Amino acid sequence: MKLSDFDYELPEELIAQTPISKRDTSRLMLLDKKTGEITHKHFHDILEEFHDGDVLVLNDTKVIPARLIGTKEETGAVIELLLLKDMGENIWECLSRPAKRLKVGTVVTFSPKLKAKVVEKKEEGIVRVELIYQGILMEILDELGEMPLPPYIHEKLQDKDRYQTVYAKNIGSAAAPTAGLHFTKELLEELKNKGVEILFITLHVGLGTFRPVEVENVLEHHMHSEFYQMSQEVADKLNLAKKEGRKIYAVGTTTVRTLETIMHKYHEFRECSGNTDIFIYPGFEFQAIDGLITNFHLPKSTLLMLVSALSSREIILNAYKIAVNEKYRFFSFGDAMFIK
C-alpha cells in the first residue's frame, strides 16, 4: 500500500475555518459501505437512520487549552509549547516550536503563574518539561492557554466551547474528537427517546493527530500511542448488544480505535485502560463496530486509511470526490459522513 493511493484533490476554500452556527445543521453524507450508494442530508436527519436497540458510542474526552506561548528566560526568544500528555508529577510531554532553541535545563516563562523547565529532549520536536506553577493548573491553562486548533485552521476561534463536544467530560486531549462536534444535547435526547443506547468511552487525542504520514510505504508508518479507558458498565452493555446482534455505531475514529483495540486484545469488551497505537488500514478486520459517524479527513492521513478499511479505498475516494463537487466543508469544523 502506497501513501499516494490515499491522495485526493481538495480546493483550499472547502477547508472549514469556523464552526457552523448551529452544530446539527451541518451537512451529512450517508454512505453505504458495501455498495457506495450516497444520500445527501443534514446532520439532524441522522435520527431517521437509527432504530430501537441500536448502540451509539461516543468519546467523552475534553480538550485542554494546551497551546502555550512564552519566552525563553535567557534570551527572550518566543517559544510555543503544545501540551500533549500528562506523564505525572507535573511532567508533560509537549510538541515544541522552534525545538532547536530548547535544551535540557531551558526555562520558558508564560506568566508569573506558570513556567516550564525542559527535562528531556526527544525526536521530532518532542520535549518533556516540568511545569512550575502556583495554584490549580487547569485554571491557569484556562486563563493562559489557547485551543490547539489544527494548522489548516487560520481563523481565531471566538468561542472555546465550539472546539469541545457538548458531552466532553474527561480532561486530557490535545485535539477534539471532531465527529462529535455535530451533536447537540437535544439531538442526543431525541436519539435516547427513540430507544438508542448512548455509551461513552475515553480516548485522549495525542500527537498522532498532528503528525502526517511521511513514508511512501504505509506499513512503515509508526503510530504514536494514546491513552484510552472503558468502564465495566459500558463493557457489559456492549457485550450484551453484541450477543443480541444489535448494531454498534462509533462516533469518530478515536472511538473506533478504542473499541477495536479492546476487542482485538481481549475478544470481548472489558473494563480496562491503557495506551493504544493501533493502526487501521484496508485489510483490517473490524470486530467491534458496524458503522461510523466521522468527518472528512486529510489527504494521505491515517484517518482516511481507517475509513477506507471500513468500506474500500475506491468507495471512499469516490465519496470524497462527490463531496468536493457538492462543496461539502472539510476537516475539523466541516461536515459529516455516516458510513453504515
C-alpha atoms as a PDB file:
ATOM      1  CA  MET A   1       0.000   0.000   0.000  1.00  0.00           C
ATOM      2  CA  LYS A   2       1.406   3.350  -1.076  1.00  0.00           C
ATOM      3  CA  LEU A   3       0.765   6.700   0.596  1.00  0.00           C
ATOM      4  CA  SER A   4      -0.080   8.182  -2.805  1.00  0.00           C
ATOM      5  CA  ASP A   5      -3.011   5.705  -3.023  1.00  0.00           C
ATOM      6  CA  PHE A   6      -4.763   7.814  -0.356  1.00  0.00           C
ATOM      7  CA  ASP A   7      -4.356  11.216  -2.010  1.00  0.00           C
ATOM      8  CA  TYR A   8      -7.140  13.371  -3.433  1.00  0.00           C
ATOM      9  CA  GLU A   9      -7.569  16.914  -4.763  1.00  0.00           C
ATOM     10  CA  LEU A  10      -9.141  19.381  -2.317  1.00  0.00           C
ATOM     11  CA  PRO A  11      -9.684  23.076  -3.119  1.00  0.00           C
ATOM     12  CA  GLU A  12      -8.483  25.143  -0.172  1.00  0.00           C
ATOM     13  CA  GLU A  13     -11.763  27.069   0.046  1.00  0.00           C
ATOM     14  CA  LEU A  14     -13.532  23.845   1.165  1.00  0.00           C
ATOM     15  CA  ILE A  15     -11.449  23.628   4.368  1.00  0.00           C
ATOM     16  CA  ALA A  16     -13.852  24.878   7.065  1.00  0.00           C
ATOM     17  CA  GLN A  17     -12.255  27.709   9.044  1.00  0.00           C
ATOM     18  CA  THR A  18     -15.018  28.329  11.586  1.00  0.00           C
ATOM     19  CA  PRO A  19     -17.746  26.219  13.207  1.00  0.00           C
ATOM     20  CA  ILE A  20     -21.232  26.361  11.671  1.00  0.00           C
ATOM     21  CA  SER A  21     -23.706  28.489  13.709  1.00  0.00           C
ATOM     22  CA  LYS A  22     -25.772  25.526  14.957  1.00  0.00           C
ATOM     23  CA  ARG A  23     -23.962  22.236  15.464  1.00  0.00           C
ATOM     24  CA  ASP A  24     -26.505  19.829  13.985  1.00  0.00           C
ATOM     25  CA  THR A  25     -27.259  21.853  10.834  1.00  0.00           C
ATOM     26  CA  SER A  26     -24.035  20.735   9.160  1.00  0.00           C
ATOM     27  CA  ARG A  27     -24.428  18.558   6.080  1.00  0.00           C
ATOM     28  CA  LEU A  28     -24.409  14.783   6.303  1.00  0.00           C
ATOM     29  CA  MET A  29     -23.392  12.310   3.626  1.00  0.00           C
ATOM     30  CA  LEU A  30     -24.899   8.842   4.127  1.00  0.00           C
ATOM     31  CA  LEU A  31     -22.651   6.191   2.586  1.00  0.00           C
ATOM     32  CA  ASP A  32     -23.460   2.516   2.125  1.00  0.00           C
ATOM     33  CA  LYS A  33     -20.124   0.869   2.917  1.00  0.00           C
ATOM     34  CA  LYS A  34     -20.795  -2.118   0.626  1.00  0.00           C
ATOM     35  CA  THR A  35     -22.415  -0.547  -2.452  1.00  0.00           C
ATOM     36  CA  GLY A  36     -21.032   3.007  -2.238  1.00  0.00           C
ATOM     37  CA  GLU A  37     -24.559   4.435  -2.604  1.00  0.00           C
ATOM     38  CA  ILE A  38     -24.735   8.035  -1.365  1.00  0.00           C
ATOM     39  CA  THR A  39     -27.576  10.167   0.061  1.00  0.00           C
ATOM     40  CA  HIS A  40     -27.218  13.844   0.978  1.00  0.00           C
ATOM     41  CA  LYS A  41     -28.900  15.044   4.196  1.00  0.00           C
ATOM     42  CA  HIS A  42     -28.330  17.353   7.169  1.00  0.00           C
ATOM     43  CA  PHE A  43     -26.897  16.125  10.442  1.00  0.00           C
ATOM     44  CA  HIS A  44     -30.131  16.352  12.457  1.00  0.00           C
ATOM     45  CA  ASP A  45     -31.659  13.909   9.909  1.00  0.00           C
ATOM     46  CA  ILE A  46     -29.374  11.236  11.405  1.00  0.00           C
ATOM     47  CA  LEU A  47     -32.236  10.490  13.784  1.00  0.00           C
ATOM     48  CA  GLU A  48     -34.014   8.665  10.922  1.00  0.00           C
ATOM     49  CA  GLU A  49     -31.043   6.297  10.482  1.00  0.00           C
ATOM     50  CA  PHE A  50     -31.270   4.713  13.937  1.00  0.00           C
ATOM     51  CA  HIS A  51     -33.552   2.001  15.289  1.00  0.00           C
ATOM     52  CA  ASP A  52     -34.685   0.945  18.756  1.00  0.00           C
ATOM     53  CA  GLY A  53     -31.840  -1.030  20.369  1.00  0.00           C
ATOM     54  CA  ASP A  54     -29.012   0.451  18.296  1.00  0.00           C
ATOM     55  CA  VAL A  55     -25.933   1.480  20.297  1.00  0.00           C
ATOM     56  CA  LEU A  56     -24.088   4.769  19.775  1.00  0.00           C
ATOM     57  CA  VAL A  57     -20.627   5.067  21.363  1.00  0.00           C
ATOM     58  CA  LEU A  58     -19.019   8.486  21.870  1.00  0.00           C
ATOM     59  CA  ASN A  59     -15.634   9.684  23.154  1.00  0.00           C
ATOM     60  CA  ASP A  60     -16.111  11.963  26.185  1.00  0.00           C
ATOM     61  CA  THR A  61     -12.546  13.324  26.260  1.00  0.00           C
ATOM     62  CA  LYS A  62     -12.183  17.054  26.927  1.00  0.00           C
ATOM     63  CA  VAL A  63      -9.630  19.235  25.154  1.00  0.00           C
ATOM     64  CA  ILE A  64      -7.074  21.090  27.266  1.00  0.00           C
ATOM     65  CA  PRO A  65      -6.401  24.707  26.196  1.00  0.00           C
ATOM     66  CA  ALA A  66      -2.958  23.256  25.572  1.00  0.00           C
ATOM     67  CA  ARG A  67      -1.234  25.783  23.289  1.00  0.00           C
ATOM     68  CA  LEU A  68       1.067  27.991  25.331  1.00  0.00           C
ATOM     69  CA  ILE A  69       3.256  30.836  24.034  1.00  0.00           C
ATOM     70  CA  GLY A  70       6.058  32.073  26.258  1.00  0.00           C
ATOM     71  CA  THR A  71       9.625  33.373  26.236  1.00  0.00           C
ATOM     72  CA  LYS A  72      12.930  31.674  26.854  1.00  0.00           C
ATOM     73  CA  GLU A  73      14.332  33.000  30.113  1.00  0.00           C
ATOM     74  CA  GLU A  74      17.941  33.537  28.955  1.00  0.00           C
ATOM     75  CA  THR A  75      17.265  35.199  25.582  1.00  0.00           C
ATOM     76  CA  GLY A  76      13.616  36.293  25.422  1.00  0.00           C
ATOM     77  CA  ALA A  77      13.093  34.149  22.292  1.00  0.00           C
ATOM     78  CA  VAL A  78       9.429  33.268  21.667  1.00  0.00           C
ATOM     79  CA  ILE A  79       8.691  29.585  22.316  1.00  0.00           C
ATOM     80  CA  GLU A  80       5.451  27.693  21.676  1.00  0.00           C
ATOM     81  CA  LEU A  81       4.591  24.515  23.576  1.00  0.00           C
ATOM     82  CA  LEU A  82       1.656  22.227  22.856  1.00  0.00           C
ATOM     83  CA  LEU A  83       0.895  20.055  25.885  1.00  0.00           C
ATOM     84  CA  LEU A  84       0.271  16.506  24.662  1.00  0.00           C
ATOM     85  CA  LYS A  85       0.398  14.092  27.572  1.00  0.00           C
ATOM     86  CA  ASP A  86       0.458  14.320  31.359  1.00  0.00           C
ATOM     87  CA  MET A  87       3.269  11.982  32.460  1.00  0.00           C
ATOM     88  CA  GLY A  88       2.550  12.542  36.195  1.00  0.00           C
ATOM     89  CA  GLU A  89       4.285  14.623  38.883  1.00  0.00           C
ATOM     90  CA  ASN A  90       3.960  17.823  36.771  1.00  0.00           C
ATOM     91  CA  ILE A  91       5.968  16.334  33.891  1.00  0.00           C
ATOM     92  CA  TRP A  92       4.305  16.850  30.481  1.00  0.00           C
ATOM     93  CA  GLU A  93       5.221  15.654  27.024  1.00  0.00           C
ATOM     94  CA  CYS A  94       4.989  18.557  24.575  1.00  0.00           C
ATOM     95  CA  LEU A  95       5.444  19.469  20.952  1.00  0.00           C
ATOM     96  CA  SER A  96       7.812  22.459  20.888  1.00  0.00           C
ATOM     97  CA  ARG A  97       8.464  25.171  18.327  1.00  0.00           C
ATOM     98  CA  PRO A  98      11.176  26.054  17.474  1.00  0.00           C
ATOM     99  CA  ALA A  99      12.596  22.875  19.040  1.00  0.00           C
ATOM    100  CA  LYS A 100      16.200  23.760  18.176  1.00  0.00           C
ATOM    101  CA  ARG A 101      16.143  26.663  20.657  1.00  0.00           C
ATOM    102  CA  LEU A 102      15.475  24.334  23.583  1.00  0.00           C
ATOM    103  CA  LYS A 103      17.932  22.214  25.523  1.00  0.00           C
ATOM    104  CA  VAL A 104      17.711  20.339  28.830  1.00  0.00           C
ATOM    105  CA  GLY A 105      17.565  22.938  31.604  1.00  0.00           C
ATOM    106  CA  THR A 106      15.985  25.693  29.465  1.00  0.00           C
ATOM    107  CA  VAL A 107      13.214  27.563  31.296  1.00  0.00           C
ATOM    108  CA  VAL A 108      10.264  29.059  29.371  1.00  0.00           C
ATOM    109  CA  THR A 109       8.079  31.657  31.136  1.00  0.00           C
ATOM    110  CA  PHE A 110       4.403  32.030  30.190  1.00  0.00           C
ATOM    111  CA  SER A 111       3.300  34.306  33.035  1.00  0.00           C
ATOM    112  CA  PRO A 112       4.236  34.935  36.671  1.00  0.00           C
ATOM    113  CA  LYS A 113       1.953  31.952  37.407  1.00  0.00           C
ATOM    114  CA  LEU A 114       3.461  29.409  35.003  1.00  0.00           C
ATOM    115  CA  LYS A 115       6.903  28.303  33.801  1.00  0.00           C
ATOM    116  CA  ALA A 116       8.196  25.170  32.069  1.00  0.00           C
ATOM    117  CA  LYS A 117      11.648  23.660  32.553  1.00  0.00           C
ATOM    118  CA  VAL A 118      12.923  21.248  29.866  1.00  0.00           C
ATOM    119  CA  VAL A 119      13.922  17.942  31.477  1.00  0.00           C
ATOM    120  CA  GLU A 120      14.311  15.775  28.358  1.00  0.00           C
ATOM    121  CA  LYS A 121      14.643  16.272  24.576  1.00  0.00           C
ATOM    122  CA  LYS A 122      13.292  13.663  22.180  1.00  0.00           C
ATOM    123  CA  GLU A 123      12.933  13.387  18.403  1.00  0.00           C
ATOM    124  CA  GLU A 124      10.522  15.236  16.093  1.00  0.00           C
ATOM    125  CA  GLY A 125      10.280  18.367  18.251  1.00  0.00           C
ATOM    126  CA  ILE A 126       9.062  16.471  21.315  1.00  0.00           C
ATOM    127  CA  VAL A 127      10.297  17.610  24.731  1.00  0.00           C
ATOM    128  CA  ARG A 128       9.378  16.702  28.274  1.00  0.00           C
ATOM    129  CA  VAL A 129       9.009  19.632  30.630  1.00  0.00           C
ATOM    130  CA  GLU A 130       8.366  20.152  34.316  1.00  0.00           C
ATOM    131  CA  LEU A 131       5.538  22.654  34.806  1.00  0.00           C
ATOM    132  CA  ILE A 132       6.226  25.077  37.663  1.00  0.00           C
ATOM    133  CA  TYR A 133       3.128  26.932  38.804  1.00  0.00           C
ATOM    134  CA  GLN A 134       1.170  28.332  41.722  1.00  0.00           C
ATOM    135  CA  GLY A 135      -2.496  27.447  42.110  1.00  0.00           C
ATOM    136  CA  ILE A 136      -4.623  24.974  40.128  1.00  0.00           C
ATOM    137  CA  LEU A 137      -3.053  24.015  36.802  1.00  0.00           C
ATOM    138  CA  MET A 138      -6.278  23.634  34.792  1.00  0.00           C
ATOM    139  CA  GLU A 139      -7.471  27.070  35.934  1.00  0.00           C
ATOM    140  CA  ILE A 140      -4.134  28.558  34.826  1.00  0.00           C
ATOM    141  CA  LEU A 141      -4.376  26.807  31.439  1.00  0.00           C
ATOM    142  CA  ASP A 142      -7.950  28.083  31.007  1.00  0.00           C
ATOM    143  CA  GLU A 143      -6.605  31.605  31.551  1.00  0.00           C
ATOM    144  CA  LEU A 144      -3.359  31.409  29.523  1.00  0.00           C
ATOM    145  CA  GLY A 145      -3.774  28.574  27.030  1.00  0.00           C
ATOM    146  CA  GLU A 146      -5.324  28.613  23.587  1.00  0.00           C
ATOM    147  CA  MET A 147      -7.273  25.770  21.995  1.00  0.00           C
ATOM    148  CA  PRO A 148      -4.821  23.682  19.940  1.00  0.00           C
ATOM    149  CA  LEU A 149      -6.545  24.104  16.573  1.00  0.00           C
ATOM    150  CA  PRO A 150      -5.056  22.156  13.651  1.00  0.00           C
ATOM    151  CA  PRO A 151      -2.564  24.028  11.429  1.00  0.00           C
ATOM    152  CA  TYR A 152      -5.003  24.238   8.485  1.00  0.00           C
ATOM    153  CA  ILE A 153      -7.352  26.476  10.537  1.00  0.00           C
ATOM    154  CA  HIS A 154      -6.186  30.079  10.246  1.00  0.00           C
ATOM    155  CA  GLU A 155      -9.149  31.888  11.840  1.00  0.00           C
ATOM    156  CA  LYS A 156      -9.123  32.601  15.568  1.00  0.00           C
ATOM    157  CA  LEU A 157     -11.794  30.659  17.472  1.00  0.00           C
ATOM    158  CA  GLN A 158     -14.247  33.103  19.064  1.00  0.00           C
ATOM    159  CA  ASP A 159     -15.838  30.618  21.474  1.00  0.00           C
ATOM    160  CA  LYS A 160     -13.558  27.992  23.081  1.00  0.00           C
ATOM    161  CA  ASP A 161     -16.550  25.713  23.720  1.00  0.00           C
ATOM    162  CA  ARG A 162     -17.082  25.198  19.978  1.00  0.00           C
ATOM    163  CA  TYR A 163     -13.919  23.054  19.944  1.00  0.00           C
ATOM    164  CA  GLN A 164     -15.452  20.819  22.641  1.00  0.00           C
ATOM    165  CA  THR A 165     -18.252  18.296  22.264  1.00  0.00           C
ATOM    166  CA  VAL A 166     -21.382  19.019  24.342  1.00  0.00           C
ATOM    167  CA  TYR A 167     -20.637  15.834  26.321  1.00  0.00           C
ATOM    168  CA  ALA A 168     -16.892  16.456  26.922  1.00  0.00           C
ATOM    169  CA  LYS A 169     -16.023  15.384  30.467  1.00  0.00           C
ATOM    170  CA  ASN A 170     -12.594  13.812  30.995  1.00  0.00           C
ATOM    171  CA  ILE A 171      -9.796  16.367  30.582  1.00  0.00           C
ATOM    172  CA  GLY A 172      -6.751  15.217  28.628  1.00  0.00           C
ATOM    173  CA  SER A 173      -6.892  15.743  24.841  1.00  0.00           C
ATOM    174  CA  ALA A 174      -4.621  17.815  22.631  1.00  0.00           C
ATOM    175  CA  ALA A 175      -7.351  17.882  19.947  1.00  0.00           C
ATOM    176  CA  ALA A 176     -11.112  17.442  19.794  1.00  0.00           C
ATOM    177  CA  PRO A 177     -12.767  14.214  18.627  1.00  0.00           C
ATOM    178  CA  THR A 178     -14.339  16.298  15.879  1.00  0.00           C
ATOM    179  CA  ALA A 179     -17.056  13.899  14.662  1.00  0.00           C
ATOM    180  CA  GLY A 180     -18.802  14.564  17.978  1.00  0.00           C
ATOM    181  CA  LEU A 181     -18.938  18.335  17.402  1.00  0.00           C
ATOM    182  CA  HIS A 182     -22.152  17.897  15.343  1.00  0.00           C
ATOM    183  CA  PHE A 183     -24.224  16.602  18.262  1.00  0.00           C
ATOM    184  CA  THR A 184     -26.431  18.843  20.390  1.00  0.00           C
ATOM    185  CA  LYS A 185     -27.817  17.834  23.780  1.00  0.00           C
ATOM    186  CA  GLU A 186     -31.308  17.921  22.225  1.00  0.00           C
ATOM    187  CA  LEU A 187     -30.319  15.531  19.411  1.00  0.00           C
ATOM    188  CA  LEU A 188     -28.786  13.075  21.894  1.00  0.00           C
ATOM    189  CA  GLU A 189     -32.017  13.245  23.920  1.00  0.00           C
ATOM    190  CA  GLU A 190     -34.097  12.542  20.798  1.00  0.00           C
ATOM    191  CA  LEU A 191     -31.914   9.517  19.992  1.00  0.00           C
ATOM    192  CA  LYS A 192     -32.412   8.196  23.534  1.00  0.00           C
ATOM    193  CA  ASN A 193     -36.175   8.675  23.224  1.00  0.00           C
ATOM    194  CA  LYS A 194     -36.066   6.580  20.052  1.00  0.00           C
ATOM    195  CA  GLY A 195     -34.509   3.695  22.028  1.00  0.00           C
ATOM    196  CA  VAL A 196     -30.867   4.254  21.044  1.00  0.00           C
ATOM    197  CA  GLU A 197     -28.442   3.285  23.815  1.00  0.00           C
ATOM    198  CA  ILE A 198     -25.812   6.021  24.226  1.00  0.00           C
ATOM    199  CA  LEU A 199     -22.500   4.984  25.790  1.00  0.00           C
ATOM    200  CA  PHE A 200     -19.207   6.755  26.460  1.00  0.00           C
ATOM    201  CA  ILE A 201     -15.573   5.687  26.319  1.00  0.00           C
ATOM    202  CA  THR A 202     -12.491   7.922  26.661  1.00  0.00           C
ATOM    203  CA  LEU A 203      -9.510   8.285  24.367  1.00  0.00           C
ATOM    204  CA  HIS A 204      -7.230  11.285  24.859  1.00  0.00           C
ATOM    205  CA  VAL A 205      -6.192  12.517  21.434  1.00  0.00           C
ATOM    206  CA  GLY A 206      -2.425  12.999  21.227  1.00  0.00           C
ATOM    207  CA  LEU A 207       0.430  13.510  18.796  1.00  0.00           C
ATOM    208  CA  GLY A 208      -0.904  11.153  16.121  1.00  0.00           C
ATOM    209  CA  THR A 209      -3.420  13.849  15.162  1.00  0.00           C
ATOM    210  CA  PHE A 210      -0.694  16.374  14.377  1.00  0.00           C
ATOM    211  CA  ARG A 211       1.785  14.080  12.650  1.00  0.00           C
ATOM    212  CA  PRO A 212       1.486  13.481   8.885  1.00  0.00           C
ATOM    213  CA  VAL A 213       2.453  10.151   7.326  1.00  0.00           C
ATOM    214  CA  GLU A 214       5.898  10.719   5.817  1.00  0.00           C
ATOM    215  CA  VAL A 215       6.749   7.288   4.363  1.00  0.00           C
ATOM    216  CA  GLU A 216       5.525   6.132   0.932  1.00  0.00           C
ATOM    217  CA  ASN A 217       5.183   2.551   2.191  1.00  0.00           C
ATOM    218  CA  VAL A 218       2.191   2.934   4.519  1.00  0.00           C
ATOM    219  CA  LEU A 219       3.156  -0.119   6.591  1.00  0.00           C
ATOM    220  CA  GLU A 220       6.365   1.612   7.719  1.00  0.00           C
ATOM    221  CA  HIS A 221       4.410   4.409   9.449  1.00  0.00           C
ATOM    222  CA  HIS A 222       4.706   4.474  13.254  1.00  0.00           C
ATOM    223  CA  MET A 223       1.568   5.462  15.181  1.00  0.00           C
ATOM    224  CA  HIS A 224       2.041   7.347  18.451  1.00  0.00           C
ATOM    225  CA  SER A 225       0.199   5.852  21.415  1.00  0.00           C
ATOM    226  CA  GLU A 226      -2.830   7.439  23.077  1.00  0.00           C
ATOM    227  CA  PHE A 227      -4.467   6.709  26.438  1.00  0.00           C
ATOM    228  CA  TYR A 228      -7.933   5.070  26.498  1.00  0.00           C
ATOM    229  CA  GLN A 229     -10.311   3.686  29.092  1.00  0.00           C
ATOM    230  CA  MET A 230     -13.618   1.825  29.278  1.00  0.00           C
ATOM    231  CA  SER A 231     -15.817   1.265  32.342  1.00  0.00           C
ATOM    232  CA  GLN A 232     -17.304  -2.074  33.438  1.00  0.00           C
ATOM    233  CA  GLU A 233     -20.832  -0.743  32.872  1.00  0.00           C
ATOM    234  CA  VAL A 234     -20.077   0.215  29.256  1.00  0.00           C
ATOM    235  CA  ALA A 235     -18.270  -3.095  28.621  1.00  0.00           C
ATOM    236  CA  ASP A 236     -21.258  -5.076  29.935  1.00  0.00           C
ATOM    237  CA  LYS A 237     -23.740  -3.146  27.775  1.00  0.00           C
ATOM    238  CA  LEU A 238     -21.603  -3.536  24.641  1.00  0.00           C
ATOM    239  CA  ASN A 239     -21.121  -7.274  25.225  1.00  0.00           C
ATOM    240  CA  LEU A 240     -24.891  -7.677  25.622  1.00  0.00           C
ATOM    241  CA  ALA A 241     -25.513  -5.716  22.401  1.00  0.00           C
ATOM    242  CA  LYS A 242     -23.053  -7.989  20.575  1.00  0.00           C
ATOM    243  CA  LYS A 243     -24.698 -11.108  21.993  1.00  0.00           C
ATOM    244  CA  GLU A 244     -28.147  -9.879  20.913  1.00  0.00           C
ATOM    245  CA  GLY A 245     -26.926  -8.933  17.437  1.00  0.00           C
ATOM    246  CA  ARG A 246     -27.689  -5.236  17.820  1.00  0.00           C
ATOM    247  CA  LYS A 247     -25.798  -2.635  15.768  1.00  0.00           C
ATOM    248  CA  ILE A 248     -22.899  -0.728  17.353  1.00  0.00           C
ATOM    249  CA  TYR A 249     -22.066   2.629  15.785  1.00  0.00           C
ATOM    250  CA  ALA A 250     -18.980   4.671  16.699  1.00  0.00           C
ATOM    251  CA  VAL A 251     -18.807   8.452  16.702  1.00  0.00           C
ATOM    252  CA  GLY A 252     -15.361   9.332  15.390  1.00  0.00           C
ATOM    253  CA  THR A 253     -12.165   7.494  14.584  1.00  0.00           C
ATOM    254  CA  THR A 254     -10.945   7.827  18.205  1.00  0.00           C
ATOM    255  CA  THR A 255     -13.935   5.777  19.375  1.00  0.00           C
ATOM    256  CA  VAL A 256     -13.272   3.182  16.660  1.00  0.00           C
ATOM    257  CA  ARG A 257      -9.625   2.879  17.706  1.00  0.00           C
ATOM    258  CA  THR A 258     -10.609   2.362  21.351  1.00  0.00           C
ATOM    259  CA  LEU A 259     -13.312  -0.234  20.663  1.00  0.00           C
ATOM    260  CA  GLU A 260     -11.223  -2.188  18.157  1.00  0.00           C
ATOM    261  CA  THR A 261      -8.144  -2.098  20.424  1.00  0.00           C
ATOM    262  CA  ILE A 262     -10.098  -3.659  23.285  1.00  0.00           C
ATOM    263  CA  MET A 263     -11.896  -6.212  21.085  1.00  0.00           C
ATOM    264  CA  HIS A 264      -8.691  -7.348  19.336  1.00  0.00           C
ATOM    265  CA  LYS A 265      -6.865  -7.613  22.660  1.00  0.00           C
ATOM    266  CA  TYR A 266      -9.496  -9.461  24.726  1.00  0.00           C
ATOM    267  CA  HIS A 267     -12.006 -10.781  22.112  1.00  0.00           C
ATOM    268  CA  GLU A 268     -14.723  -9.115  24.194  1.00  0.00           C
ATOM    269  CA  PHE A 269     -15.366  -5.709  25.739  1.00  0.00           C
ATOM    270  CA  ARG A 270     -13.808  -5.327  29.150  1.00  0.00           C
ATOM    271  CA  GLU A 271     -13.249  -2.723  31.867  1.00  0.00           C
ATOM    272  CA  CYS A 272      -9.716  -1.575  31.078  1.00  0.00           C
ATOM    273  CA  SER A 273      -7.363   1.316  30.405  1.00  0.00           C
ATOM    274  CA  GLY A 274      -4.058   1.574  28.633  1.00  0.00           C
ATOM    275  CA  ASN A 275      -2.281   3.033  25.629  1.00  0.00           C
ATOM    276  CA  THR A 276      -3.072   2.150  22.046  1.00  0.00           C
ATOM    277  CA  ASP A 277      -1.040   2.611  18.885  1.00  0.00           C
ATOM    278  CA  ILE A 278      -3.442   0.589  16.731  1.00  0.00           C
ATOM    279  CA  PHE A 279      -3.098   1.401  13.016  1.00  0.00           C
ATOM    280  CA  ILE A 280      -6.217   0.612  10.978  1.00  0.00           C
ATOM    281  CA  TYR A 281      -5.856   0.429   7.199  1.00  0.00           C
ATOM    282  CA  PRO A 282      -7.503  -1.586   4.379  1.00  0.00           C
ATOM    283  CA  GLY A 283      -7.406  -5.298   5.135  1.00  0.00           C
ATOM    284  CA  PHE A 284      -8.169  -4.706   8.827  1.00  0.00           C
ATOM    285  CA  GLU A 285     -10.866  -6.997  10.234  1.00  0.00           C
ATOM    286  CA  PHE A 286     -13.373  -4.991  12.268  1.00  0.00           C
ATOM    287  CA  GLN A 287     -14.662  -6.894  15.300  1.00  0.00           C
ATOM    288  CA  ALA A 288     -16.326  -4.152  17.353  1.00  0.00           C
ATOM    289  CA  ILE A 289     -18.310  -1.759  15.150  1.00  0.00           C
ATOM    290  CA  ASP A 290     -20.969  -1.894  12.428  1.00  0.00           C
ATOM    291  CA  GLY A 291     -20.747   1.721  11.272  1.00  0.00           C
ATOM    292  CA  LEU A 292     -19.073   5.066  11.814  1.00  0.00           C
ATOM    293  CA  ILE A 293     -20.021   8.743  12.012  1.00  0.00           C
ATOM    294  CA  THR A 294     -16.980  10.778  11.008  1.00  0.00           C
ATOM    295  CA  ASN A 295     -15.793  13.991   9.361  1.00  0.00           C
ATOM    296  CA  PHE A 296     -13.947  14.296   6.041  1.00  0.00           C
ATOM    297  CA  HIS A 297     -10.234  13.664   6.584  1.00  0.00           C
ATOM    298  CA  LEU A 298      -6.962  14.998   5.228  1.00  0.00           C
ATOM    299  CA  PRO A 299      -5.400  13.505   2.094  1.00  0.00           C
ATOM    300  CA  LYS A 300      -2.748  10.846   2.849  1.00  0.00           C
ATOM    301  CA  SER A 301      -3.802  10.631   6.532  1.00  0.00           C
ATOM    302  CA  THR A 302      -4.112   7.576   8.779  1.00  0.00           C
ATOM    303  CA  LEU A 303      -7.757   8.602   9.339  1.00  0.00           C
ATOM    304  CA  LEU A 304      -8.524   8.362   5.624  1.00  0.00           C
ATOM    305  CA  MET A 305      -6.920   4.904   5.695  1.00  0.00           C
ATOM    306  CA  LEU A 306      -9.160   3.913   8.646  1.00  0.00           C
ATOM    307  CA  VAL A 307     -12.405   4.894   6.890  1.00  0.00           C
ATOM    308  CA  SER A 308     -11.181   3.164   3.716  1.00  0.00           C
ATOM    309  CA  ALA A 309     -10.713  -0.018   5.775  1.00  0.00           C
ATOM    310  CA  LEU A 310     -14.363   0.099   6.858  1.00  0.00           C
ATOM    311  CA  SER A 311     -15.555   0.313   3.259  1.00  0.00           C
ATOM    312  CA  SER A 312     -12.973   0.292   0.460  1.00  0.00           C
ATOM    313  CA  ARG A 313     -10.427   2.793  -0.807  1.00  0.00           C
ATOM    314  CA  GLU A 314     -12.292   3.129  -4.123  1.00  0.00           C
ATOM    315  CA  ILE A 315     -15.692   3.746  -2.484  1.00  0.00           C
ATOM    316  CA  ILE A 316     -14.288   6.288  -0.011  1.00  0.00           C
ATOM    317  CA  LEU A 317     -12.254   8.233  -2.593  1.00  0.00           C
ATOM    318  CA  ASN A 318     -15.313   8.324  -4.880  1.00  0.00           C
ATOM    319  CA  ALA A 319     -17.402   9.666  -1.969  1.00  0.00           C
ATOM    320  CA  TYR A 320     -14.741  12.326  -1.317  1.00  0.00           C
ATOM    321  CA  LYS A 321     -14.750  13.303  -4.996  1.00  0.00           C
ATOM    322  CA  ILE A 322     -18.546  13.748  -4.828  1.00  0.00           C
ATOM    323  CA  ALA A 323     -18.194  15.724  -1.559  1.00  0.00           C
ATOM    324  CA  VAL A 324     -15.760  18.102  -3.318  1.00  0.00           C
ATOM    325  CA  ASN A 325     -18.135  18.510  -6.290  1.00  0.00           C
ATOM    326  CA  GLU A 326     -21.065  19.134  -3.896  1.00  0.00           C
ATOM    327  CA  LYS A 327     -18.937  21.638  -1.950  1.00  0.00           C
ATOM    328  CA  TYR A 328     -19.093  19.897   1.415  1.00  0.00           C
ATOM    329  CA  ARG A 329     -16.990  21.527   4.157  1.00  0.00           C
ATOM    330  CA  PHE A 330     -13.910  19.522   5.121  1.00  0.00           C
ATOM    331  CA  PHE A 331     -11.904  18.636   8.256  1.00  0.00           C
ATOM    332  CA  SER A 332     -12.405  19.603  11.920  1.00  0.00           C
ATOM    333  CA  PHE A 333     -15.182  22.200  11.598  1.00  0.00           C
ATOM    334  CA  GLY A 334     -16.566  20.633   8.421  1.00  0.00           C
ATOM    335  CA  ASP A 335     -19.474  18.369   7.506  1.00  0.00           C
ATOM    336  CA  ALA A 336     -20.056  14.735   8.446  1.00  0.00           C
ATOM    337  CA  MET A 337     -20.319  11.295   6.869  1.00  0.00           C
ATOM    338  CA  PHE A 338     -22.224   8.291   8.230  1.00  0.00           C
ATOM    339  CA  ILE A 339     -20.775   5.018   6.905  1.00  0.00           C
ATOM    340  CA  LYS A 340     -23.100   2.075   7.559  1.00  0.00           C
END
